[in-house]
Protein backbone atom coordinates (compact mmCIF):
# COMPACT_ATOMS: atom_id res chain seq x y z
CA UNK A 1 126.24 134.20 127.94
CA UNK A 2 128.74 131.47 128.16
CA UNK A 3 130.12 129.60 125.21
CA UNK A 4 128.02 126.55 126.06
CA UNK A 5 124.80 128.60 126.14
CA UNK A 6 125.64 130.16 122.78
CA UNK A 7 126.23 126.79 121.12
CA UNK A 8 123.02 125.38 122.61
CA UNK A 9 121.06 128.44 121.43
CA UNK A 10 122.56 128.05 117.97
CA UNK A 11 121.70 124.33 117.88
CA UNK A 12 118.16 125.08 119.05
CA UNK A 13 117.69 127.62 116.25
CA UNK A 14 118.98 125.11 113.67
CA UNK A 15 116.65 122.41 114.98
CA UNK A 16 113.67 124.76 114.88
CA UNK A 17 114.49 125.74 111.29
CA UNK A 18 114.83 122.09 110.29
CA UNK A 19 111.53 121.29 112.02
CA UNK A 20 109.69 124.03 110.12
CA UNK A 21 111.19 122.83 106.84
CA UNK A 22 110.25 119.21 107.61
CA UNK A 23 106.69 120.22 108.42
CA UNK A 24 106.38 122.10 105.13
CA UNK A 25 107.73 119.13 103.21
CA UNK A 26 105.40 116.81 105.11
CA UNK A 27 102.40 118.97 104.24
CA UNK A 28 103.42 119.07 100.58
CA UNK A 29 103.80 115.28 100.49
CA UNK A 30 100.38 114.85 102.12
CA UNK A 31 98.83 117.08 99.46
CA UNK A 32 100.51 115.04 96.73
CA UNK A 33 99.19 111.81 98.21
CA UNK A 34 95.69 113.29 98.39
CA UNK A 35 95.91 114.29 94.73
CA UNK A 36 97.15 110.88 93.68
CA UNK A 37 94.45 109.11 95.68
CA UNK A 38 91.84 111.39 94.14
CA UNK A 39 93.25 110.66 90.70
CA UNK A 40 93.26 106.90 91.17
CA UNK A 41 90.04 106.47 93.13
CA UNK A 42 88.09 109.64 92.27
CA UNK A 43 85.34 110.06 89.74
CA UNK A 44 86.38 110.81 86.19
CA UNK A 45 85.23 114.41 86.58
CA UNK A 46 87.71 114.90 89.42
CA UNK A 47 90.80 113.57 87.72
CA UNK A 48 94.02 115.55 87.85
CA UNK A 49 95.64 116.91 84.72
CA UNK A 50 99.03 115.27 84.05
CA UNK A 51 100.81 118.62 83.65
CA UNK A 52 99.58 119.74 87.08
CA UNK A 53 100.94 116.58 88.66
CA UNK A 54 104.33 117.06 86.98
CA UNK A 55 104.45 120.67 88.15
CA UNK A 56 103.65 119.58 91.68
CA UNK A 57 106.39 116.94 91.60
CA UNK A 58 108.93 119.46 90.26
CA UNK A 59 108.15 121.86 93.11
CA UNK A 60 109.12 119.31 95.73
CA UNK A 61 112.40 118.53 93.97
CA UNK A 62 113.48 122.15 93.67
CA UNK A 63 112.73 123.34 97.22
CA UNK A 64 110.03 123.39 99.85
CA UNK A 65 107.45 126.15 99.27
CA UNK A 66 107.08 129.03 101.70
CA UNK A 67 103.40 128.19 102.25
CA UNK A 68 101.34 125.09 101.48
CA UNK A 69 99.89 124.74 98.01
CA UNK A 70 96.14 124.33 97.78
CA UNK A 71 95.65 122.14 94.70
CA UNK A 72 92.65 122.55 92.46
CA UNK A 73 91.40 119.73 90.35
CA UNK A 74 90.02 120.78 86.95
CA UNK A 75 86.67 119.43 85.95
CA UNK A 76 86.54 118.44 82.34
CA UNK A 77 84.24 116.24 80.38
CA UNK A 78 85.85 113.41 78.50
CA UNK A 79 84.54 112.72 75.01
CA UNK A 80 82.68 109.45 74.71
CA UNK A 81 84.16 107.36 71.90
CA UNK A 82 81.62 105.84 69.51
CA UNK A 83 80.90 102.17 70.07
CA UNK A 84 82.30 99.80 67.52
CA UNK A 85 79.90 97.36 65.95
CA UNK A 86 80.64 93.83 67.07
CA UNK A 87 81.52 91.28 64.49
CA UNK A 88 79.21 88.27 64.49
CA UNK A 89 80.53 85.37 66.50
CA UNK A 90 79.85 82.83 63.78
CA UNK A 91 79.85 83.42 60.06
CA UNK A 92 76.37 83.53 58.53
CA UNK A 93 77.22 81.16 55.71
CA UNK A 94 78.10 78.27 58.06
CA UNK A 95 75.26 75.87 58.99
CA UNK A 96 74.23 75.65 62.65
CA UNK A 97 73.82 72.12 63.97
CA UNK A 98 72.15 71.74 67.36
CA UNK A 99 72.85 68.56 69.26
CA UNK A 100 70.97 67.83 72.49
CA UNK A 101 72.70 65.37 74.80
CA UNK A 102 70.47 63.92 77.48
CA UNK A 103 71.84 61.91 80.42
CA UNK A 104 70.78 58.27 80.85
CA UNK A 105 68.50 58.91 83.90
CA UNK A 106 66.57 61.51 81.86
CA UNK A 107 66.22 59.09 78.94
CA UNK A 108 64.85 56.38 81.27
CA UNK A 109 62.20 58.59 82.97
CA UNK A 110 61.69 61.81 81.01
CA UNK A 111 58.45 62.66 82.91
CA UNK A 112 60.42 63.04 86.15
CA UNK A 113 62.62 65.74 84.64
CA UNK A 114 62.01 69.15 83.16
CA UNK A 115 64.19 71.40 81.00
CA UNK A 116 65.20 74.49 82.95
CA UNK A 117 66.94 76.39 80.17
CA UNK A 118 69.10 76.23 77.11
């Protein structure tokens, strides 16, 4: 082999290694996006645990994994908080005064109009 063939072979090997590493990183990033989409838009039973997400993010910062990670989403039931009793809108001790305001055309011909709700 000539010197030129050796350098080209070496460059080809480097490019192939970089391509494999880029594909692994790409697959890992796609999995992360899927997990985040599932967390944001998924049902509450499919939500991702925060510690799992942090672990997944730490893996990408340290190095690319040798094989893709197949994430599992834990199913857990969230406790339902008790409903708080609503405070009344108006205090009971205050008097309620109802005032009905009718427009002039209704006052002039009340038979032509009907009350549709209050």
